[in-house]
Amino acid sequence: MLFLTATSIGICAGMTRSAFSIAFTAFLIVLTFGLASLVSAGPTSYLDLLIAVFGYNAGLINFVAGLMVIRRLRPA
C-alpha cells in the first residue's frame, strides 16, 4: 500500500511538469518520514522510507513512459 501511494504521488507530481514541484515533493516525503520518526513512540523502519522513495521514482518513470507512448501513438 505504501508503494502504491508513493507511486500515485509520483505520477501527480510529474503531472505538474515543474522541476521544483517534483524535487519539493521528494523533499516532503523524506521530511514527513523524519518528523514521524521523531514523534513516534516506537522504532521506525528505514525500509519504509526506501519503499516510499522507490515508489515515488516508479511513479515518475511511469508518467514519463506514458507520455512517450502517447506521443508515439499520436498521428503526425
PDB file of N, CA and C in Angstrom:
ATOM      1  N   MET A   1       0.820  -1.187   0.000  1.00  0.00           N
ATOM      2  CA  MET A   1       0.000   0.000   0.000  1.00  0.00           C
ATOM      3  C   MET A   1       0.869   1.259   0.000  1.00  0.00           C
ATOM      4  N   LEU A   2       1.959   1.212   0.708  1.00  0.00           N
ATOM      5  CA  LEU A   2       2.868   2.353   0.744  1.00  0.00           C
ATOM      6  C   LEU A   2       3.472   2.607  -0.637  1.00  0.00           C
ATOM      7  N   PHE A   3       3.829   1.528  -1.324  1.00  0.00           N
ATOM      8  CA  PHE A   3       4.417   1.663  -2.657  1.00  0.00           C
ATOM      9  C   PHE A   3       3.402   2.274  -3.628  1.00  0.00           C
ATOM     10  N   LEU A   4       2.157   1.825  -3.573  1.00  0.00           N
ATOM     11  CA  LEU A   4       1.134   2.362  -4.474  1.00  0.00           C
ATOM     12  C   LEU A   4       0.818   3.819  -4.181  1.00  0.00           C
ATOM     13  N   THR A   5       0.800   4.183  -2.914  1.00  0.00           N
ATOM     14  CA  THR A   5       0.558   5.572  -2.545  1.00  0.00           C
ATOM     15  C   THR A   5       1.698   6.463  -3.043  1.00  0.00           C
ATOM     16  N   ALA A   6       2.925   6.022  -2.857  1.00  0.00           N
ATOM     17  CA  ALA A   6       4.075   6.809  -3.316  1.00  0.00           C
ATOM     18  C   ALA A   6       4.109   6.877  -4.840  1.00  0.00           C
ATOM     19  N   THR A   7       3.681   5.801  -5.507  1.00  0.00           N
ATOM     20  CA  THR A   7       3.633   5.817  -6.967  1.00  0.00           C
ATOM     21  C   THR A   7       2.614   6.835  -7.463  1.00  0.00           C
ATOM     22  N   SER A   8       1.466   6.880  -6.823  1.00  0.00           N
ATOM     23  CA  SER A   8       0.462   7.858  -7.240  1.00  0.00           C
ATOM     24  C   SER A   8       0.912   9.292  -6.949  1.00  0.00           C
ATOM     25  N   ILE A   9       1.644   9.494  -5.872  1.00  0.00           N
ATOM     26  CA  ILE A   9       2.204  10.823  -5.599  1.00  0.00           C
ATOM     27  C   ILE A   9       3.223  11.187  -6.671  1.00  0.00           C
ATOM     28  N   GLY A  10       4.029  10.235  -7.101  1.00  0.00           N
ATOM     29  CA  GLY A  10       5.000  10.482  -8.165  1.00  0.00           C
ATOM     30  C   GLY A  10       4.332  10.842  -9.482  1.00  0.00           C
ATOM     31  N   ILE A  11       3.244  10.152  -9.809  1.00  0.00           N
ATOM     32  CA  ILE A  11       2.515  10.470 -11.042  1.00  0.00           C
ATOM     33  C   ILE A  11       1.917  11.871 -10.951  1.00  0.00           C
ATOM     34  N   CYS A  12       1.321  12.192  -9.828  1.00  0.00           N
ATOM     35  CA  CYS A  12       0.722  13.525  -9.651  1.00  0.00           C
ATOM     36  C   CYS A  12       1.780  14.627  -9.669  1.00  0.00           C
ATOM     37  N   ALA A  13       2.924  14.363  -9.082  1.00  0.00           N
ATOM     38  CA  ALA A  13       3.997  15.364  -9.108  1.00  0.00           C
ATOM     39  C   ALA A  13       4.523  15.540 -10.530  1.00  0.00           C
ATOM     40  N   GLY A  14       4.600  14.449 -11.285  1.00  0.00           N
ATOM     41  CA  GLY A  14       5.043  14.550 -12.675  1.00  0.00           C
ATOM     42  C   GLY A  14       4.056  15.315 -13.540  1.00  0.00           C
ATOM     43  N   MET A  15       2.778  15.230 -13.204  1.00  0.00           N
ATOM     44  CA  MET A  15       1.762  15.929 -13.986  1.00  0.00           C
ATOM     45  C   MET A  15       1.874  17.441 -13.856  1.00  0.00           C
ATOM     46  N   THR A  16       2.520  17.933 -12.815  1.00  0.00           N
ATOM     47  CA  THR A  16       2.702  19.381 -12.680  1.00  0.00           C
ATOM     48  C   THR A  16       3.710  19.898 -13.695  1.00  0.00           C
ATOM     49  N   ARG A  17       4.605  19.036 -14.155  1.00  0.00           N
ATOM     50  CA  ARG A  17       5.659  19.383 -15.119  1.00  0.00           C
ATOM     51  C   ARG A  17       6.534  20.522 -14.620  1.00  0.00           C
ATOM     52  N   SER A  18       6.749  20.543 -13.336  1.00  0.00           N
ATOM     53  CA  SER A  18       7.592  21.553 -12.726  1.00  0.00           C
ATOM     54  C   SER A  18       8.707  20.844 -11.964  1.00  0.00           C
ATOM     55  N   ALA A  19       9.939  21.169 -12.312  1.00  0.00           N
ATOM     56  CA  ALA A  19      11.077  20.527 -11.650  1.00  0.00           C
ATOM     57  C   ALA A  19      11.084  20.871 -10.162  1.00  0.00           C
ATOM     58  N   PHE A  20      10.687  22.091  -9.832  1.00  0.00           N
ATOM     59  CA  PHE A  20      10.638  22.484  -8.424  1.00  0.00           C
ATOM     60  C   PHE A  20       9.613  21.650  -7.665  1.00  0.00           C
ATOM     61  N   SER A  21       8.447  21.453  -8.243  1.00  0.00           N
ATOM     62  CA  SER A  21       7.406  20.669  -7.575  1.00  0.00           C
ATOM     63  C   SER A  21       7.825  19.223  -7.382  1.00  0.00           C
ATOM     64  N   ILE A  22       8.489  18.659  -8.365  1.00  0.00           N
ATOM     65  CA  ILE A  22       8.942  17.274  -8.273  1.00  0.00           C
ATOM     66  C   ILE A  22       9.990  17.133  -7.170  1.00  0.00           C
ATOM     67  N   ALA A  23      10.958  18.033  -7.147  1.00  0.00           N
ATOM     68  CA  ALA A  23      12.003  17.981  -6.123  1.00  0.00           C
ATOM     69  C   ALA A  23      11.437  18.295  -4.741  1.00  0.00           C
ATOM     70  N   PHE A  24      10.518  19.243  -4.655  1.00  0.00           N
ATOM     71  CA  PHE A  24       9.936  19.613  -3.369  1.00  0.00           C
ATOM     72  C   PHE A  24       9.085  18.480  -2.802  1.00  0.00           C
ATOM     73  N   THR A  25       8.371  17.774  -3.661  1.00  0.00           N
ATOM     74  CA  THR A  25       7.580  16.636  -3.212  1.00  0.00           C
ATOM     75  C   THR A  25       8.478  15.536  -2.667  1.00  0.00           C
ATOM     76  N   ALA A  26       9.600  15.276  -3.338  1.00  0.00           N
ATOM     77  CA  ALA A  26      10.548  14.278  -2.832  1.00  0.00           C
ATOM     78  C   ALA A  26      11.098  14.701  -1.470  1.00  0.00           C
ATOM     79  N   PHE A  27      11.394  15.986  -1.318  1.00  0.00           N
ATOM     80  CA  PHE A  27      11.865  16.505  -0.039  1.00  0.00           C
ATOM     81  C   PHE A  27      10.812  16.342   1.045  1.00  0.00           C
ATOM     82  N   LEU A  28       9.556  16.588   0.695  1.00  0.00           N
ATOM     83  CA  LEU A  28       8.473  16.456   1.676  1.00  0.00           C
ATOM     84  C   LEU A  28       8.262  15.008   2.108  1.00  0.00           C
ATOM     85  N   ILE A  29       8.501  14.063   1.221  1.00  0.00           N
ATOM     86  CA  ILE A  29       8.384  12.648   1.601  1.00  0.00           C
ATOM     87  C   ILE A  29       9.411  12.318   2.682  1.00  0.00           C
ATOM     88  N   VAL A  30      10.640  12.755   2.470  1.00  0.00           N
ATOM     89  CA  VAL A  30      11.700  12.486   3.446  1.00  0.00           C
ATOM     90  C   VAL A  30      11.459  13.267   4.734  1.00  0.00           C
ATOM     91  N   LEU A  31      11.019  14.516   4.620  1.00  0.00           N
ATOM     92  CA  LEU A  31      10.743  15.329   5.802  1.00  0.00           C
ATOM     93  C   LEU A  31       9.608  14.737   6.636  1.00  0.00           C
ATOM     94  N   THR A  32       8.575  14.269   5.988  1.00  0.00           N
ATOM     95  CA  THR A  32       7.456  13.658   6.702  1.00  0.00           C
ATOM     96  C   THR A  32       7.888  12.401   7.431  1.00  0.00           C
ATOM     97  N   PHE A  33       8.717  11.593   6.780  1.00  0.00           N
ATOM     98  CA  PHE A  33       9.223  10.398   7.451  1.00  0.00           C
ATOM     99  C   PHE A  33      10.076  10.784   8.655  1.00  0.00           C
ATOM    100  N   GLY A  34      10.910  11.801   8.503  1.00  0.00           N
ATOM    101  CA  GLY A  34      11.749  12.241   9.618  1.00  0.00           C
ATOM    102  C   GLY A  34      10.939  12.748  10.798  1.00  0.00           C
ATOM    103  N   LEU A  35       9.923  13.531  10.514  1.00  0.00           N
ATOM    104  CA  LEU A  35       9.074  14.033  11.592  1.00  0.00           C
ATOM    105  C   LEU A  35       8.281  12.915  12.251  1.00  0.00           C
ATOM    106  N   ALA A  36       7.812  11.963  11.451  1.00  0.00           N
ATOM    107  CA  ALA A  36       7.069  10.837  12.016  1.00  0.00           C
ATOM    108  C   ALA A  36       7.966   9.964  12.884  1.00  0.00           C
ATOM    109  N   SER A  37       9.225   9.823  12.507  1.00  0.00           N
ATOM    110  CA  SER A  37      10.134   9.016  13.323  1.00  0.00           C
ATOM    111  C   SER A  37      10.507   9.729  14.624  1.00  0.00           C
ATOM    112  N   LEU A  38      10.537  11.054  14.610  1.00  0.00           N
ATOM    113  CA  LEU A  38      10.808  11.798  15.837  1.00  0.00           C
ATOM    114  C   LEU A  38       9.636  11.736  16.813  1.00  0.00           C
ATOM    115  N   VAL A  39       8.437  11.774  16.294  1.00  0.00           N
ATOM    116  CA  VAL A  39       7.247  11.841  17.132  1.00  0.00           C
ATOM    117  C   VAL A  39       6.799  10.460  17.609  1.00  0.00           C
ATOM    118  N   SER A  40       7.096   9.423  16.834  1.00  0.00           N
ATOM    119  CA  SER A  40       6.582   8.093  17.176  1.00  0.00           C
ATOM    120  C   SER A  40       7.230   7.556  18.449  1.00  0.00           C
ATOM    121  N   ALA A  41       6.458   6.761  19.149  1.00  0.00           N
ATOM    122  CA  ALA A  41       6.950   6.199  20.404  1.00  0.00           C
ATOM    123  C   ALA A  41       7.828   4.976  20.174  1.00  0.00           C
ATOM    124  N   GLY A  42       7.563   4.262  19.097  1.00  0.00           N
ATOM    125  CA  GLY A  42       8.316   3.034  18.821  1.00  0.00           C
ATOM    126  C   GLY A  42       9.403   3.259  17.788  1.00  0.00           C
ATOM    127  N   PRO A  43      10.117   2.195  17.483  1.00  0.00           N
ATOM    128  CA  PRO A  43      11.181   2.301  16.473  1.00  0.00           C
ATOM    129  C   PRO A  43      10.587   2.446  15.067  1.00  0.00           C
ATOM    130  N   THR A  44      11.319   3.090  14.188  1.00  0.00           N
ATOM    131  CA  THR A  44      10.880   3.255  12.804  1.00  0.00           C
ATOM    132  C   THR A  44      11.783   2.444  11.892  1.00  0.00           C
ATOM    133  N   SER A  45      11.231   2.014  10.799  1.00  0.00           N
ATOM    134  CA  SER A  45      11.967   1.206   9.835  1.00  0.00           C
ATOM    135  C   SER A  45      12.345   2.073   8.639  1.00  0.00           C
ATOM    136  N   TYR A  46      13.621   2.105   8.335  1.00  0.00           N
ATOM    137  CA  TYR A  46      14.061   2.861   7.166  1.00  0.00           C
ATOM    138  C   TYR A  46      13.700   2.146   5.872  1.00  0.00           C
ATOM    139  N   LEU A  47      13.286   0.905   5.968  1.00  0.00           N
ATOM    140  CA  LEU A  47      12.822   0.177   4.796  1.00  0.00           C
ATOM    141  C   LEU A  47      11.552   0.830   4.245  1.00  0.00           C
ATOM    142  N   ASP A  48      10.705   1.344   5.117  1.00  0.00           N
ATOM    143  CA  ASP A  48       9.504   2.047   4.668  1.00  0.00           C
ATOM    144  C   ASP A  48       9.854   3.309   3.886  1.00  0.00           C
ATOM    145  N   LEU A  49      10.866   4.025   4.325  1.00  0.00           N
ATOM    146  CA  LEU A  49      11.310   5.204   3.587  1.00  0.00           C
ATOM    147  C   LEU A  49      11.862   4.799   2.226  1.00  0.00           C
ATOM    148  N   LEU A  50      12.617   3.728   2.190  1.00  0.00           N
ATOM    149  CA  LEU A  50      13.181   3.243   0.930  1.00  0.00           C
ATOM    150  C   LEU A  50      12.072   2.821  -0.026  1.00  0.00           C
ATOM    151  N   ILE A  51      11.057   2.154   0.473  1.00  0.00           N
ATOM    152  CA  ILE A  51       9.918   1.750  -0.362  1.00  0.00           C
ATOM    153  C   ILE A  51       9.189   2.977  -0.897  1.00  0.00           C
ATOM    154  N   ALA A  52       9.016   3.993  -0.062  1.00  0.00           N
ATOM    155  CA  ALA A  52       8.337   5.216  -0.496  1.00  0.00           C
ATOM    156  C   ALA A  52       9.142   5.942  -1.577  1.00  0.00           C
ATOM    157  N   VAL A  53      10.447   5.996  -1.423  1.00  0.00           N
ATOM    158  CA  VAL A  53      11.289   6.670  -2.427  1.00  0.00           C
ATOM    159  C   VAL A  53      11.277   5.893  -3.736  1.00  0.00           C
ATOM    160  N   PHE A  54      11.368   4.567  -3.657  1.00  0.00           N
ATOM    161  CA  PHE A  54      11.305   3.758  -4.876  1.00  0.00           C
ATOM    162  C   PHE A  54       9.938   3.884  -5.543  1.00  0.00           C
ATOM    163  N   GLY A  55       8.875   3.942  -4.765  1.00  0.00           N
ATOM    164  CA  GLY A  55       7.542   4.119  -5.322  1.00  0.00           C
ATOM    165  C   GLY A  55       7.382   5.470  -5.990  1.00  0.00           C
ATOM    166  N   TYR A  56       7.929   6.504  -5.377  1.00  0.00           N
ATOM    167  CA  TYR A  56       7.868   7.849  -5.961  1.00  0.00           C
ATOM    168  C   TYR A  56       8.604   7.884  -7.302  1.00  0.00           C
ATOM    169  N   ASN A  57       9.794   7.295  -7.324  1.00  0.00           N
ATOM    170  CA  ASN A  57      10.556   7.249  -8.571  1.00  0.00           C
ATOM    171  C   ASN A  57       9.854   6.402  -9.620  1.00  0.00           C
ATOM    172  N   ALA A  58       9.228   5.313  -9.208  1.00  0.00           N
ATOM    173  CA  ALA A  58       8.485   4.475 -10.156  1.00  0.00           C
ATOM    174  C   ALA A  58       7.313   5.244 -10.745  1.00  0.00           C
ATOM    175  N   GLY A  59       6.651   6.058  -9.936  1.00  0.00           N
ATOM    176  CA  GLY A  59       5.561   6.882 -10.442  1.00  0.00           C
ATOM    177  C   GLY A  59       6.033   7.894 -11.467  1.00  0.00           C
ATOM    178  N   LEU A  60       7.168   8.521 -11.205  1.00  0.00           N
ATOM    179  CA  LEU A  60       7.718   9.471 -12.176  1.00  0.00           C
ATOM    180  C   LEU A  60       8.110   8.766 -13.469  1.00  0.00           C
ATOM    181  N   ILE A  61       8.727   7.594 -13.355  1.00  0.00           N
ATOM    182  CA  ILE A  61       9.136   6.839 -14.541  1.00  0.00           C
ATOM    183  C   ILE A  61       7.906   6.390 -15.331  1.00  0.00           C
ATOM    184  N   ASN A  62       6.860   5.934 -14.636  1.00  0.00           N
ATOM    185  CA  ASN A  62       5.629   5.533 -15.333  1.00  0.00           C
ATOM    186  C   ASN A  62       4.984   6.713 -16.042  1.00  0.00           C
ATOM    187  N   PHE A  63       5.015   7.876 -15.426  1.00  0.00           N
ATOM    188  CA  PHE A  63       4.439   9.057 -16.061  1.00  0.00           C
ATOM    189  C   PHE A  63       5.198   9.426 -17.331  1.00  0.00           C
ATOM    190  N   VAL A  64       6.516   9.436 -17.256  1.00  0.00           N
ATOM    191  CA  VAL A  64       7.326   9.780 -18.428  1.00  0.00           C
ATOM    192  C   VAL A  64       7.153   8.729 -19.522  1.00  0.00           C
ATOM    193  N   ALA A  65       7.102   7.456 -19.142  1.00  0.00           N
ATOM    194  CA  ALA A  65       6.891   6.396 -20.133  1.00  0.00           C
ATOM    195  C   ALA A  65       5.518   6.532 -20.779  1.00  0.00           C
ATOM    196  N   GLY A  66       4.514   6.888 -19.991  1.00  0.00           N
ATOM    197  CA  GLY A  66       3.185   7.111 -20.548  1.00  0.00           C
ATOM    198  C   GLY A  66       3.154   8.267 -21.529  1.00  0.00           C
ATOM    199  N   LEU A  67       3.870   9.337 -21.214  1.00  0.00           N
ATOM    200  CA  LEU A  67       3.965  10.462 -22.148  1.00  0.00           C
ATOM    201  C   LEU A  67       4.621  10.050 -23.448  1.00  0.00           C
ATOM    202  N   MET A  68       5.654   9.236 -23.356  1.00  0.00           N
ATOM    203  CA  MET A  68       6.343   8.778 -24.568  1.00  0.00           C
ATOM    204  C   MET A  68       5.430   7.901 -25.420  1.00  0.00           C
ATOM    205  N   VAL A  69       4.655   7.031 -24.779  1.00  0.00           N
ATOM    206  CA  VAL A  69       3.739   6.172 -25.528  1.00  0.00           C
ATOM    207  C   VAL A  69       2.653   6.996 -26.203  1.00  0.00           C
ATOM    208  N   ILE A  70       2.117   7.984 -25.488  1.00  0.00           N
ATOM    209  CA  ILE A  70       1.069   8.823 -26.072  1.00  0.00           C
ATOM    210  C   ILE A  70       1.607   9.614 -27.254  1.00  0.00           C
ATOM    211  N   ARG A  71       2.799  10.148 -27.138  1.00  0.00           N
ATOM    212  CA  ARG A  71       3.386  10.900 -28.263  1.00  0.00           C
ATOM    213  C   ARG A  71       3.713   9.987 -29.429  1.00  0.00           C
ATOM    214  N   ARG A  72       4.077   8.765 -29.130  1.00  0.00           N
ATOM    215  CA  ARG A  72       4.426   7.806 -30.191  1.00  0.00           C
ATOM    216  C   ARG A  72       3.173   7.374 -30.957  1.00  0.00           C
ATOM    217  N   LEU A  73       2.045   7.237 -30.271  1.00  0.00           N
ATOM    218  CA  LEU A  73       0.820   6.775 -30.914  1.00  0.00           C
ATOM    219  C   LEU A  73       0.035   7.902 -31.583  1.00  0.00           C
ATOM    220  N   ARG A  74       0.344   9.143 -31.256  1.00  0.00           N
ATOM    221  CA  ARG A  74      -0.375  10.271 -31.843  1.00  0.00           C
ATOM    222  C   ARG A  74       0.008  10.414 -33.327  1.00  0.00           C
ATOM    223  N   PRO A  75      -0.967  10.629 -34.181  1.00  0.00           N
ATOM    224  CA  PRO A  75      -0.625  10.795 -35.601  1.00  0.00           C
ATOM    225  C   PRO A  75       0.176  12.078 -35.847  1.00  0.00           C
ATOM    226  N   ALA A  76       1.080  11.998 -36.795  1.00  0.00           N
ATOM    227  CA  ALA A  76       1.984  13.121 -37.057  1.00  0.00           C
ATOM    228  C   ALA A  76       1.359  14.225 -37.829  1.00  0.00           C
TER     229      ALA A  76
END
